């Protein structure tokens, strides 16, 4: 059994901005053997978000057009000459299983906040 992480204050959770976005495109990052760049529509804004999923899926393009949950208020980070402006939530990676997207059960407007 995997232990539960230590308790955190609710104030910390409230600082994390989690939103639904639609993955518009998935582009290869040639310099990396695992990273791709997602272009994500959040309604009022677009973001480029780098994700290490090349080795997790046979066809990374299969997630284009799908909605998923993202953290949108992380500091931008430069990797492989590209800027990542957030983080994709996926389910399973930390447990060693093939990750799947964390998705709303039905379509909601892009930019809808979680929590």
PDB file of N, CA and C in Angstrom:
ATOM      1  N   UNK A   1       0.845  -1.188   0.000  1.00  0.00           N
ATOM      2  CA  UNK A   1       0.000   0.000   0.000  1.00  0.00           C
ATOM      3  C   UNK A   1       0.887   1.248   0.000  1.00  0.00           C
ATOM      4  N   UNK A   2       0.542   2.213  -0.836  1.00  0.00           N
ATOM      5  CA  UNK A   2       1.266   3.472  -0.914  1.00  0.00           C
ATOM      6  C   UNK A   2       0.753   4.388   0.200  1.00  0.00           C
ATOM      7  N   UNK A   3       1.681   4.957   0.951  1.00  0.00           N
ATOM      8  CA  UNK A   3       1.289   5.843   2.045  1.00  0.00           C
ATOM      9  C   UNK A   3       0.683   7.134   1.520  1.00  0.00           C
ATOM     10  N   UNK A   4      -0.226   7.698   2.296  1.00  0.00           N
ATOM     11  CA  UNK A   4      -0.820   8.993   1.975  1.00  0.00           C
ATOM     12  C   UNK A   4       0.197  10.071   2.321  1.00  0.00           C
ATOM     13  N   UNK A   5       0.331  11.055   1.462  1.00  0.00           N
ATOM     14  CA  UNK A   5       1.249  12.167   1.708  1.00  0.00           C
ATOM     15  C   UNK A   5       0.823  12.929   2.955  1.00  0.00           C
ATOM     16  N   UNK A   6       1.765  13.666   3.577  1.00  0.00           N
ATOM     17  CA  UNK A   6       1.430  14.444   4.781  1.00  0.00           C
ATOM     18  C   UNK A   6       0.315  15.453   4.517  1.00  0.00           C
ATOM     19  N   UNK A   7      -0.462  15.740   5.557  1.00  0.00           N
ATOM     20  CA  UNK A   7      -1.571  16.693   5.469  1.00  0.00           C
ATOM     21  C   UNK A   7      -1.049  18.091   5.133  1.00  0.00           C
ATOM     22  N   UNK A   8      -1.844  18.820   4.350  1.00  0.00           N
ATOM     23  CA  UNK A   8      -1.519  20.207   4.019  1.00  0.00           C
ATOM     24  C   UNK A   8      -2.691  21.093   4.406  1.00  0.00           C
ATOM     25  N   UNK A   9      -2.417  22.369   4.546  1.00  0.00           N
ATOM     26  CA  UNK A   9      -3.416  23.349   4.919  1.00  0.00           C
ATOM     27  C   UNK A   9      -4.327  23.653   3.729  1.00  0.00           C
ATOM     28  N   UNK A  10      -5.610  23.870   3.983  1.00  0.00           N
ATOM     29  CA  UNK A  10      -6.572  24.183   2.928  1.00  0.00           C
ATOM     30  C   UNK A  10      -6.161  25.439   2.152  1.00  0.00           C
ATOM     31  N   UNK A  11      -5.486  26.369   2.803  1.00  0.00           N
ATOM     32  CA  UNK A  11      -5.032  27.595   2.145  1.00  0.00           C
ATOM     33  C   UNK A  11      -4.102  27.275   0.970  1.00  0.00           C
ATOM     34  N   UNK A  12      -3.280  26.253   1.126  1.00  0.00           N
ATOM     35  CA  UNK A  12      -2.377  25.851   0.047  1.00  0.00           C
ATOM     36  C   UNK A  12      -3.178  25.352  -1.160  1.00  0.00           C
ATOM     37  N   UNK A  13      -4.182  24.557  -0.917  1.00  0.00           N
ATOM     38  CA  UNK A  13      -5.036  24.051  -2.001  1.00  0.00           C
ATOM     39  C   UNK A  13      -5.722  25.212  -2.727  1.00  0.00           C
ATOM     40  N   UNK A  14      -6.188  26.193  -1.976  1.00  0.00           N
ATOM     41  CA  UNK A  14      -6.895  27.324  -2.572  1.00  0.00           C
ATOM     42  C   UNK A  14      -5.987  28.176  -3.455  1.00  0.00           C
ATOM     43  N   UNK A  15      -4.681  28.082  -3.284  1.00  0.00           N
ATOM     44  CA  UNK A  15      -3.730  28.845  -4.105  1.00  0.00           C
ATOM     45  C   UNK A  15      -3.505  28.191  -5.471  1.00  0.00           C
ATOM     46  N   UNK A  16      -3.824  26.909  -5.608  1.00  0.00           N
ATOM     47  CA  UNK A  16      -3.604  26.195  -6.865  1.00  0.00           C
ATOM     48  C   UNK A  16      -4.798  26.452  -7.794  1.00  0.00           C
ATOM     49  N   UNK A  17      -4.515  26.957  -8.996  1.00  0.00           N
ATOM     50  CA  UNK A  17      -5.556  27.269  -9.970  1.00  0.00           C
ATOM     51  C   UNK A  17      -5.655  26.110 -10.970  1.00  0.00           C
ATOM     52  N   UNK A  18      -6.667  25.278 -10.778  1.00  0.00           N
ATOM     53  CA  UNK A  18      -6.886  24.098 -11.628  1.00  0.00           C
ATOM     54  C   UNK A  18      -8.066  24.404 -12.544  1.00  0.00           C
ATOM     55  N   UNK A  19      -7.822  24.265 -13.846  1.00  0.00           N
ATOM     56  CA  UNK A  19      -8.872  24.573 -14.815  1.00  0.00           C
ATOM     57  C   UNK A  19      -8.976  23.510 -15.885  1.00  0.00           C
ATOM     58  N   UNK A  20     -10.161  23.467 -16.499  1.00  0.00           N
ATOM     59  CA  UNK A  20     -10.406  22.589 -17.636  1.00  0.00           C
ATOM     60  C   UNK A  20      -9.964  23.311 -18.902  1.00  0.00           C
ATOM     61  N   UNK A  21      -9.229  22.594 -19.747  1.00  0.00           N
ATOM     62  CA  UNK A  21      -8.839  23.130 -21.038  1.00  0.00           C
ATOM     63  C   UNK A  21      -8.984  22.067 -22.104  1.00  0.00           C
ATOM     64  N   UNK A  22      -9.168  22.502 -23.341  1.00  0.00           N
ATOM     65  CA  UNK A  22      -9.229  21.581 -24.467  1.00  0.00           C
ATOM     66  C   UNK A  22      -7.875  21.545 -25.151  1.00  0.00           C
ATOM     67  N   UNK A  23      -7.358  20.350 -25.363  1.00  0.00           N
ATOM     68  CA  UNK A  23      -6.068  20.159 -26.024  1.00  0.00           C
ATOM     69  C   UNK A  23      -6.289  20.355 -27.524  1.00  0.00           C
ATOM     70  N   UNK A  24      -5.793  21.461 -28.041  1.00  0.00           N
ATOM     71  CA  UNK A  24      -5.999  21.826 -29.442  1.00  0.00           C
ATOM     72  C   UNK A  24      -5.028  21.075 -30.336  1.00  0.00           C
ATOM     73  N   UNK A  25      -3.759  20.998 -29.899  1.00  0.00           N
ATOM     74  CA  UNK A  25      -2.768  20.282 -30.706  1.00  0.00           C
ATOM     75  C   UNK A  25      -1.696  19.689 -29.810  1.00  0.00           C
ATOM     76  N   UNK A  26      -1.056  18.636 -30.327  1.00  0.00           N
ATOM     77  CA  UNK A  26       0.067  17.976 -29.668  1.00  0.00           C
ATOM     78  C   UNK A  26       1.210  17.979 -30.669  1.00  0.00           C
ATOM     79  N   UNK A  27       2.313  18.640 -30.299  1.00  0.00           N
ATOM     80  CA  UNK A  27       3.454  18.753 -31.203  1.00  0.00           C
ATOM     81  C   UNK A  27       4.684  18.107 -30.589  1.00  0.00           C
ATOM     82  N   UNK A  28       5.434  17.426 -31.422  1.00  0.00           N
ATOM     83  CA  UNK A  28       6.650  16.748 -30.983  1.00  0.00           C
ATOM     84  C   UNK A  28       7.716  17.761 -30.596  1.00  0.00           C
ATOM     85  N   UNK A  29       8.471  17.449 -29.564  1.00  0.00           N
ATOM     86  CA  UNK A  29       9.673  18.215 -29.226  1.00  0.00           C
ATOM     87  C   UNK A  29      10.836  17.326 -29.632  1.00  0.00           C
ATOM     88  N   UNK A  30      11.415  17.653 -30.766  1.00  0.00           N
ATOM     89  CA  UNK A  30      12.419  16.814 -31.403  1.00  0.00           C
ATOM     90  C   UNK A  30      13.620  16.553 -30.488  1.00  0.00           C
ATOM     91  N   UNK A  31      14.015  17.546 -29.701  1.00  0.00           N
ATOM     92  CA  UNK A  31      15.191  17.424 -28.833  1.00  0.00           C
ATOM     93  C   UNK A  31      14.979  16.491 -27.646  1.00  0.00           C
ATOM     94  N   UNK A  32      13.752  16.029 -27.424  1.00  0.00           N
ATOM     95  CA  UNK A  32      13.437  15.187 -26.260  1.00  0.00           C
ATOM     96  C   UNK A  32      12.903  13.835 -26.695  1.00  0.00           C
ATOM     97  N   UNK A  33      13.268  12.806 -25.944  1.00  0.00           N
ATOM     98  CA  UNK A  33      12.738  11.477 -26.252  1.00  0.00           C
ATOM     99  C   UNK A  33      11.416  11.196 -25.542  1.00  0.00           C
ATOM    100  N   UNK A  34      10.946  12.128 -24.677  1.00  0.00           N
ATOM    101  CA  UNK A  34       9.670  11.882 -24.018  1.00  0.00           C
ATOM    102  C   UNK A  34       8.703  13.063 -24.009  1.00  0.00           C
ATOM    103  N   UNK A  35       9.181  14.290 -24.305  1.00  0.00           N
ATOM    104  CA  UNK A  35       8.323  15.475 -24.184  1.00  0.00           C
ATOM    105  C   UNK A  35       7.585  15.822 -25.486  1.00  0.00           C
ATOM    106  N   UNK A  36       6.345  16.290 -25.288  1.00  0.00           N
ATOM    107  CA  UNK A  36       5.549  16.875 -26.365  1.00  0.00           C
ATOM    108  C   UNK A  36       5.016  18.211 -25.860  1.00  0.00           C
ATOM    109  N   UNK A  37       4.627  19.073 -26.799  1.00  0.00           N
ATOM    110  CA  UNK A  37       4.056  20.371 -26.433  1.00  0.00           C
ATOM    111  C   UNK A  37       2.565  20.358 -26.741  1.00  0.00           C
ATOM    112  N   UNK A  38       1.766  20.625 -25.713  1.00  0.00           N
ATOM    113  CA  UNK A  38       0.324  20.751 -25.881  1.00  0.00           C
ATOM    114  C   UNK A  38      -0.021  22.220 -26.043  1.00  0.00           C
ATOM    115  N   UNK A  39      -0.863  22.530 -27.007  1.00  0.00           N
ATOM    116  CA  UNK A  39      -1.478  23.851 -27.097  1.00  0.00           C
ATOM    117  C   UNK A  39      -2.881  23.675 -26.539  1.00  0.00           C
ATOM    118  N   UNK A  40      -3.172  24.423 -25.471  1.00  0.00           N
ATOM    119  CA  UNK A  40      -4.410  24.201 -24.724  1.00  0.00           C
ATOM    120  C   UNK A  40      -5.252  25.469 -24.696  1.00  0.00           C
ATOM    121  N   UNK A  41      -6.535  25.316 -25.026  1.00  0.00           N
ATOM    122  CA  UNK A  41      -7.495  26.416 -25.033  1.00  0.00           C
ATOM    123  C   UNK A  41      -8.218  26.451 -23.689  1.00  0.00           C
ATOM    124  N   UNK A  42      -8.067  27.571 -22.962  1.00  0.00           N
ATOM    125  CA  UNK A  42      -8.751  27.762 -21.680  1.00  0.00           C
ATOM    126  C   UNK A  42      -9.858  28.804 -21.799  1.00  0.00           C
ATOM    127  N   UNK A  43     -10.371  28.998 -22.990  1.00  0.00           N
ATOM    128  CA  UNK A  43     -11.455  29.955 -23.199  1.00  0.00           C
ATOM    129  C   UNK A  43     -10.929  31.359 -23.397  1.00  0.00           C
ATOM    130  N   UNK A  44     -10.538  32.028 -22.315  1.00  0.00           N
ATOM    131  CA  UNK A  44     -10.040  33.401 -22.386  1.00  0.00           C
ATOM    132  C   UNK A  44      -8.565  33.482 -22.746  1.00  0.00           C
ATOM    133  N   UNK A  45      -7.852  32.349 -22.697  1.00  0.00           N
ATOM    134  CA  UNK A  45      -6.419  32.355 -22.994  1.00  0.00           C
ATOM    135  C   UNK A  45      -5.986  30.978 -23.478  1.00  0.00           C
ATOM    136  N   UNK A  46      -4.842  30.972 -24.150  1.00  0.00           N
ATOM    137  CA  UNK A  46      -4.214  29.735 -24.622  1.00  0.00           C
ATOM    138  C   UNK A  46      -2.911  29.557 -23.849  1.00  0.00           C
ATOM    139  N   UNK A  47      -2.484  28.311 -23.675  1.00  0.00           N
ATOM    140  CA  UNK A  47      -1.204  28.031 -23.036  1.00  0.00           C
ATOM    141  C   UNK A  47      -0.497  26.912 -23.779  1.00  0.00           C
ATOM    142  N   UNK A  48       0.848  26.976 -23.737  1.00  0.00           N
ATOM    143  CA  UNK A  48       1.687  25.872 -24.184  1.00  0.00           C
ATOM    144  C   UNK A  48       2.137  25.134 -22.932  1.00  0.00           C
ATOM    145  N   UNK A  49       1.910  23.842 -22.904  1.00  0.00           N
ATOM    146  CA  UNK A  49       2.251  23.042 -21.732  1.00  0.00           C
ATOM    147  C   UNK A  49       3.014  21.814 -22.201  1.00  0.00           C
ATOM    148  N   UNK A  50       4.230  21.647 -21.668  1.00  0.00           N
ATOM    149  CA  UNK A  50       5.059  20.497 -22.024  1.00  0.00           C
ATOM    150  C   UNK A  50       4.726  19.322 -21.116  1.00  0.00           C
ATOM    151  N   UNK A  51       4.636  18.150 -21.756  1.00  0.00           N
ATOM    152  CA  UNK A  51       4.238  16.941 -21.052  1.00  0.00           C
ATOM    153  C   UNK A  51       5.126  15.786 -21.505  1.00  0.00           C
ATOM    154  N   UNK A  52       5.582  14.972 -20.579  1.00  0.00           N
ATOM    155  CA  UNK A  52       6.425  13.821 -20.907  1.00  0.00           C
ATOM    156  C   UNK A  52       5.600  12.585 -21.199  1.00  0.00           C
ATOM    157  N   UNK A  53       4.980  12.535 -22.367  1.00  0.00           N
ATOM    158  CA  UNK A  53       4.093  11.401 -22.668  1.00  0.00           C
ATOM    159  C   UNK A  53       4.439  10.631 -23.936  1.00  0.00           C
ATOM    160  N   UNK A  54       5.551  10.939 -24.576  1.00  0.00           N
ATOM    161  CA  UNK A  54       5.885  10.229 -25.824  1.00  0.00           C
ATOM    162  C   UNK A  54       5.952   8.723 -25.633  1.00  0.00           C
ATOM    163  N   UNK A  55       6.528   8.282 -24.537  1.00  0.00           N
ATOM    164  CA  UNK A  55       6.700   6.843 -24.313  1.00  0.00           C
ATOM    165  C   UNK A  55       5.475   6.199 -23.677  1.00  0.00           C
ATOM    166  N   UNK A  56       4.491   7.003 -23.286  1.00  0.00           N
ATOM    167  CA  UNK A  56       3.303   6.493 -22.606  1.00  0.00           C
ATOM    168  C   UNK A  56       2.188   6.113 -23.569  1.00  0.00           C
ATOM    169  N   UNK A  57       2.239   6.617 -24.779  1.00  0.00           N
ATOM    170  CA  UNK A  57       1.156   6.390 -25.742  1.00  0.00           C
ATOM    171  C   UNK A  57       1.731   6.044 -27.099  1.00  0.00           C
ATOM    172  N   UNK A  58       1.045   5.161 -27.778  1.00  0.00           N
ATOM    173  CA  UNK A  58       1.460   4.818 -29.135  1.00  0.00           C
ATOM    174  C   UNK A  58       1.261   6.002 -30.065  1.00  0.00           C
ATOM    175  N   UNK A  59       0.164   6.735 -29.865  1.00  0.00           N
ATOM    176  CA  UNK A  59      -0.161   7.892 -30.700  1.00  0.00           C
ATOM    177  C   UNK A  59      -0.521   9.063 -29.787  1.00  0.00           C
ATOM    178  N   UNK A  60       0.420   9.983 -29.573  1.00  0.00           N
ATOM    179  CA  UNK A  60       0.161  11.125 -28.686  1.00  0.00           C
ATOM    180  C   UNK A  60      -0.926  12.052 -29.235  1.00  0.00           C
ATOM    181  N   UNK A  61      -1.162  12.003 -30.529  1.00  0.00           N
ATOM    182  CA  UNK A  61      -2.188  12.855 -31.147  1.00  0.00           C
ATOM    183  C   UNK A  61      -3.603  12.442 -30.743  1.00  0.00           C
ATOM    184  N   UNK A  62      -3.766  11.252 -30.153  1.00  0.00           N
ATOM    185  CA  UNK A  62      -5.098  10.758 -29.792  1.00  0.00           C
ATOM    186  C   UNK A  62      -5.784  11.637 -28.735  1.00  0.00           C
ATOM    187  N   UNK A  63      -5.029  12.493 -28.043  1.00  0.00           N
ATOM    188  CA  UNK A  63      -5.651  13.342 -27.026  1.00  0.00           C
ATOM    189  C   UNK A  63      -6.069  14.706 -27.570  1.00  0.00           C
ATOM    190  N   UNK A  64      -5.764  14.981 -28.830  1.00  0.00           N
ATOM    191  CA  UNK A  64      -6.209  16.243 -29.425  1.00  0.00           C
ATOM    192  C   UNK A  64      -7.728  16.304 -29.397  1.00  0.00           C
ATOM    193  N   UNK A  65      -8.249  17.473 -29.029  1.00  0.00           N
ATOM    194  CA  UNK A  65      -9.698  17.663 -28.965  1.00  0.00           C
ATOM    195  C   UNK A  65     -10.315  17.251 -27.642  1.00  0.00           C
ATOM    196  N   UNK A  66      -9.537  16.658 -26.748  1.00  0.00           N
ATOM    197  CA  UNK A  66     -10.072  16.211 -25.458  1.00  0.00           C
ATOM    198  C   UNK A  66      -9.881  17.288 -24.398  1.00  0.00           C
ATOM    199  N   UNK A  67     -10.817  17.323 -23.468  1.00  0.00           N
ATOM    200  CA  UNK A  67     -10.683  18.201 -22.320  1.00  0.00           C
ATOM    201  C   UNK A  67      -9.931  17.474 -21.217  1.00  0.00           C
ATOM    202  N   UNK A  68      -9.196  18.239 -20.408  1.00  0.00           N
ATOM    203  CA  UNK A  68      -8.468  17.672 -19.277  1.00  0.00           C
ATOM    204  C   UNK A  68      -8.276  18.769 -18.235  1.00  0.00           C
ATOM    205  N   UNK A  69      -7.781  18.358 -17.067  1.00  0.00           N
ATOM    206  CA  UNK A  69      -7.495  19.294 -15.986  1.00  0.00           C
ATOM    207  C   UNK A  69      -6.024  19.702 -16.024  1.00  0.00           C
ATOM    208  N   UNK A  70      -5.773  20.984 -15.769  1.00  0.00           N
ATOM    209  CA  UNK A  70      -4.427  21.548 -15.798  1.00  0.00           C
ATOM    210  C   UNK A  70      -4.253  22.513 -14.631  1.00  0.00           C
ATOM    211  N   UNK A  71      -3.026  22.613 -14.117  1.00  0.00           N
ATOM    212  CA  UNK A  71      -2.671  23.707 -13.213  1.00  0.00           C
ATOM    213  C   UNK A  71      -2.177  24.837 -14.102  1.00  0.00           C
ATOM    214  N   UNK A  72      -2.788  26.025 -13.960  1.00  0.00           N
ATOM    215  CA  UNK A  72      -2.436  27.134 -14.851  1.00  0.00           C
ATOM    216  C   UNK A  72      -1.647  28.248 -14.173  1.00  0.00           C
ATOM    217  N   UNK A  73      -1.380  28.131 -12.874  1.00  0.00           N
ATOM    218  CA  UNK A  73      -0.662  29.220 -12.204  1.00  0.00           C
ATOM    219  C   UNK A  73       0.720  28.808 -11.692  1.00  0.00           C
ATOM    220  N   UNK A  74       1.370  27.884 -12.383  1.00  0.00           N
ATOM    221  CA  UNK A  74       2.765  27.568 -12.092  1.00  0.00           C
ATOM    222  C   UNK A  74       3.661  28.593 -12.774  1.00  0.00           C
ATOM    223  N   UNK A  75       4.837  28.827 -12.213  1.00  0.00           N
ATOM    224  CA  UNK A  75       5.824  29.681 -12.868  1.00  0.00           C
ATOM    225  C   UNK A  75       6.195  29.049 -14.215  1.00  0.00           C
ATOM    226  N   UNK A  76       6.270  29.839 -15.292  1.00  0.00           N
ATOM    227  CA  UNK A  76       6.710  29.279 -16.583  1.00  0.00           C
ATOM    228  C   UNK A  76       8.098  28.659 -16.437  1.00  0.00           C
ATOM    229  N   UNK A  77       8.307  27.575 -17.173  1.00  0.00           N
ATOM    230  CA  UNK A  77       9.573  26.843 -17.087  1.00  0.00           C
ATOM    231  C   UNK A  77      10.078  26.532 -18.492  1.00  0.00           C
ATOM    232  N   UNK A  78      11.346  26.833 -18.743  1.00  0.00           N
ATOM    233  CA  UNK A  78      11.935  26.580 -20.056  1.00  0.00           C
ATOM    234  C   UNK A  78      12.553  25.186 -20.069  1.00  0.00           C
ATOM    235  N   UNK A  79      12.164  24.404 -21.070  1.00  0.00           N
ATOM    236  CA  UNK A  79      12.694  23.055 -21.257  1.00  0.00           C
ATOM    237  C   UNK A  79      12.858  22.814 -22.753  1.00  0.00           C
ATOM    238  N   UNK A  80      13.996  22.295 -23.154  1.00  0.00           N
ATOM    239  CA  UNK A  80      14.242  21.949 -24.552  1.00  0.00           C
ATOM    240  C   UNK A  80      13.952  23.107 -25.500  1.00  0.00           C
ATOM    241  N   UNK A  81      14.249  24.322 -25.052  1.00  0.00           N
ATOM    242  CA  UNK A  81      14.048  25.500 -25.884  1.00  0.00           C
ATOM    243  C   UNK A  81      12.607  25.975 -25.976  1.00  0.00           C
ATOM    244  N   UNK A  82      11.717  25.377 -25.217  1.00  0.00           N
ATOM    245  CA  UNK A  82      10.293  25.732 -25.219  1.00  0.00           C
ATOM    246  C   UNK A  82       9.896  26.180 -23.808  1.00  0.00           C
ATOM    247  N   UNK A  83       8.863  26.990 -23.708  1.00  0.00           N
ATOM    248  CA  UNK A  83       8.348  27.439 -22.418  1.00  0.00           C
ATOM    249  C   UNK A  83       7.086  26.635 -22.086  1.00  0.00           C
ATOM    250  N   UNK A  84       7.066  26.055 -20.892  1.00  0.00           N
ATOM    251  CA  UNK A  84       5.878  25.364 -20.401  1.00  0.00           C
ATOM    252  C   UNK A  84       5.172  26.286 -19.418  1.00  0.00           C
ATOM    253  N   UNK A  85       3.865  26.486 -19.646  1.00  0.00           N
ATOM    254  CA  UNK A  85       3.088  27.447 -18.861  1.00  0.00           C
ATOM    255  C   UNK A  85       2.013  26.777 -18.008  1.00  0.00           C
ATOM    256  N   UNK A  86       2.314  25.612 -17.477  1.00  0.00           N
ATOM    257  CA  UNK A  86       1.341  24.917 -16.642  1.00  0.00           C
ATOM    258  C   UNK A  86       1.683  23.458 -16.519  1.00  0.00           C
ATOM    259  N   UNK A  87       0.740  22.686 -15.983  1.00  0.00           N
ATOM    260  CA  UNK A  87       0.955  21.256 -15.794  1.00  0.00           C
ATOM    261  C   UNK A  87      -0.340  20.488 -16.049  1.00  0.00           C
ATOM    262  N   UNK A  88      -0.233  19.430 -16.802  1.00  0.00           N
ATOM    263  CA  UNK A  88      -1.349  18.527 -17.056  1.00  0.00           C
ATOM    264  C   UNK A  88      -1.532  17.605 -15.861  1.00  0.00           C
ATOM    265  N   UNK A  89      -2.766  17.419 -15.419  1.00  0.00           N
ATOM    266  CA  UNK A  89      -3.060  16.387 -14.438  1.00  0.00           C
ATOM    267  C   UNK A  89      -3.272  15.084 -15.199  1.00  0.00           C
ATOM    268  N   UNK A  90      -2.545  14.060 -14.819  1.00  0.00           N
ATOM    269  CA  UNK A  90      -2.854  12.741 -15.349  1.00  0.00           C
ATOM    270  C   UNK A  90      -2.963  11.789 -14.170  1.00  0.00           C
ATOM    271  N   UNK A  91      -3.495  10.640 -14.438  1.00  0.00           N
ATOM    272  CA  UNK A  91      -3.751   9.653 -13.390  1.00  0.00           C
ATOM    273  C   UNK A  91      -2.954   8.397 -13.704  1.00  0.00           C
ATOM    274  N   UNK A  92      -2.156   7.934 -12.759  1.00  0.00           N
ATOM    275  CA  UNK A  92      -1.481   6.663 -12.907  1.00  0.00           C
ATOM    276  C   UNK A  92       0.023   6.686 -12.957  1.00  0.00           C
ATOM    277  N   UNK A  93       0.628   7.784 -13.434  1.00  0.00           N
ATOM    278  CA  UNK A  93       2.078   7.823 -13.615  1.00  0.00           C
ATOM    279  C   UNK A  93       2.820   7.486 -12.319  1.00  0.00           C
ATOM    280  N   UNK A  94       2.445   8.125 -11.215  1.00  0.00           N
ATOM    281  CA  UNK A  94       3.134   7.913  -9.929  1.00  0.00           C
ATOM    282  C   UNK A  94       2.997   6.472  -9.443  1.00  0.00           C
ATOM    283  N   UNK A  95       1.997   5.763  -9.932  1.00  0.00           N
ATOM    284  CA  UNK A  95       1.773   4.377  -9.517  1.00  0.00           C
ATOM    285  C   UNK A  95       2.303   3.360 -10.515  1.00  0.00           C
ATOM    286  N   UNK A  96       3.000   3.853 -11.544  1.00  0.00           N
ATOM    287  CA  UNK A  96       3.631   2.940 -12.489  1.00  0.00           C
ATOM    288  C   UNK A  96       2.696   2.311 -13.495  1.00  0.00           C
ATOM    289  N   UNK A  97       1.521   2.904 -13.686  1.00  0.00           N
ATOM    290  CA  UNK A  97       0.617   2.387 -14.721  1.00  0.00           C
ATOM    291  C   UNK A  97       0.568   3.404 -15.865  1.00  0.00           C
ATOM    292  N   UNK A  98       0.124   2.976 -17.017  1.00  0.00           N
ATOM    293  CA  UNK A  98       0.024   3.885 -18.153  1.00  0.00           C
ATOM    294  C   UNK A  98      -0.950   5.003 -17.804  1.00  0.00           C
ATOM    295  N   UNK A  99      -0.484   6.251 -17.791  1.00  0.00           N
ATOM    296  CA  UNK A  99      -1.338   7.364 -17.388  1.00  0.00           C
ATOM    297  C   UNK A  99      -2.521   7.600 -18.321  1.00  0.00           C
ATOM    298  N   UNK A 100      -3.582   8.124 -17.723  1.00  0.00           N
ATOM    299  CA  UNK A 100      -4.769   8.567 -18.450  1.00  0.00           C
ATOM    300  C   UNK A 100      -5.045  10.008 -18.044  1.00  0.00           C
ATOM    301  N   UNK A 101      -5.771  10.734 -18.859  1.00  0.00           N
ATOM    302  CA  UNK A 101      -6.098  12.119 -18.554  1.00  0.00           C
ATOM    303  C   UNK A 101      -7.108  12.201 -17.418  1.00  0.00           C
ATOM    304  N   UNK A 102      -6.964  13.225 -16.571  1.00  0.00           N
ATOM    305  CA  UNK A 102      -7.999  13.566 -15.588  1.00  0.00           C
ATOM    306  C   UNK A 102      -8.974  14.479 -16.332  1.00  0.00           C
ATOM    307  N   UNK A 103     -10.203  13.996 -16.520  1.00  0.00           N
ATOM    308  CA  UNK A 103     -11.162  14.693 -17.378  1.00  0.00           C
ATOM    309  C   UNK A 103     -12.490  14.928 -16.670  1.00  0.00           C
ATOM    310  N   UNK A 104     -13.209  15.997 -17.075  1.00  0.00           N
ATOM    311  CA  UNK A 104     -14.576  16.155 -16.568  1.00  0.00           C
ATOM    312  C   UNK A 104     -15.460  15.043 -17.138  1.00  0.00           C
ATOM    313  N   UNK A 105     -16.492  14.677 -16.409  1.00  0.00           N
ATOM    314  CA  UNK A 105     -17.362  13.582 -16.854  1.00  0.00           C
ATOM    315  C   UNK A 105     -18.184  13.925 -18.091  1.00  0.00           C
ATOM    316  N   UNK A 106     -18.393  15.221 -18.324  1.00  0.00           N
ATOM    317  CA  UNK A 106     -19.057  15.687 -19.543  1.00  0.00           C
ATOM    318  C   UNK A 106     -18.436  17.017 -19.917  1.00  0.00           C
ATOM    319  N   UNK A 107     -18.575  17.459 -21.172  1.00  0.00           N
ATOM    320  CA  UNK A 107     -17.953  18.715 -21.586  1.00  0.00           C
ATOM    321  C   UNK A 107     -18.434  19.890 -20.752  1.00  0.00           C
ATOM    322  N   UNK A 108     -17.490  20.766 -20.399  1.00  0.00           N
ATOM    323  CA  UNK A 108     -17.791  22.014 -19.689  1.00  0.00           C
ATOM    324  C   UNK A 108     -17.047  23.129 -20.431  1.00  0.00           C
ATOM    325  N   UNK A 109     -17.423  24.385 -20.185  1.00  0.00           N
ATOM    326  CA  UNK A 109     -16.717  25.479 -20.874  1.00  0.00           C
ATOM    327  C   UNK A 109     -15.225  25.485 -20.529  1.00  0.00           C
ATOM    328  N   UNK A 110     -14.387  25.723 -21.528  1.00  0.00           N
ATOM    329  CA  UNK A 110     -12.959  25.855 -21.289  1.00  0.00           C
ATOM    330  C   UNK A 110     -12.724  26.968 -20.277  1.00  0.00           C
ATOM    331  N   UNK A 111     -11.789  26.730 -19.351  1.00  0.00           N
ATOM    332  CA  UNK A 111     -11.481  27.697 -18.323  1.00  0.00           C
ATOM    333  C   UNK A 111     -12.232  27.469 -17.023  1.00  0.00           C
ATOM    334  N   UNK A 112     -13.193  26.520 -17.033  1.00  0.00           N
ATOM    335  CA  UNK A 112     -13.928  26.212 -15.815  1.00  0.00           C
ATOM    336  C   UNK A 112     -12.950  25.754 -14.732  1.00  0.00           C
ATOM    337  N   UNK A 113     -13.114  26.318 -13.527  1.00  0.00           N
ATOM    338  CA  UNK A 113     -12.200  26.018 -12.421  1.00  0.00           C
ATOM    339  C   UNK A 113     -12.649  24.776 -11.662  1.00  0.00           C
ATOM    340  N   UNK A 114     -11.671  24.018 -11.183  1.00  0.00           N
ATOM    341  CA  UNK A 114     -11.935  22.854 -10.332  1.00  0.00           C
ATOM    342  C   UNK A 114     -11.829  23.305  -8.883  1.00  0.00           C
ATOM    343  N   UNK A 115     -12.578  22.629  -8.029  1.00  0.00           N
ATOM    344  CA  UNK A 115     -12.470  22.916  -6.598  1.00  0.00           C
ATOM    345  C   UNK A 115     -13.672  23.625  -6.054  1.00  0.00           C
TER     346      UNK A 115
END
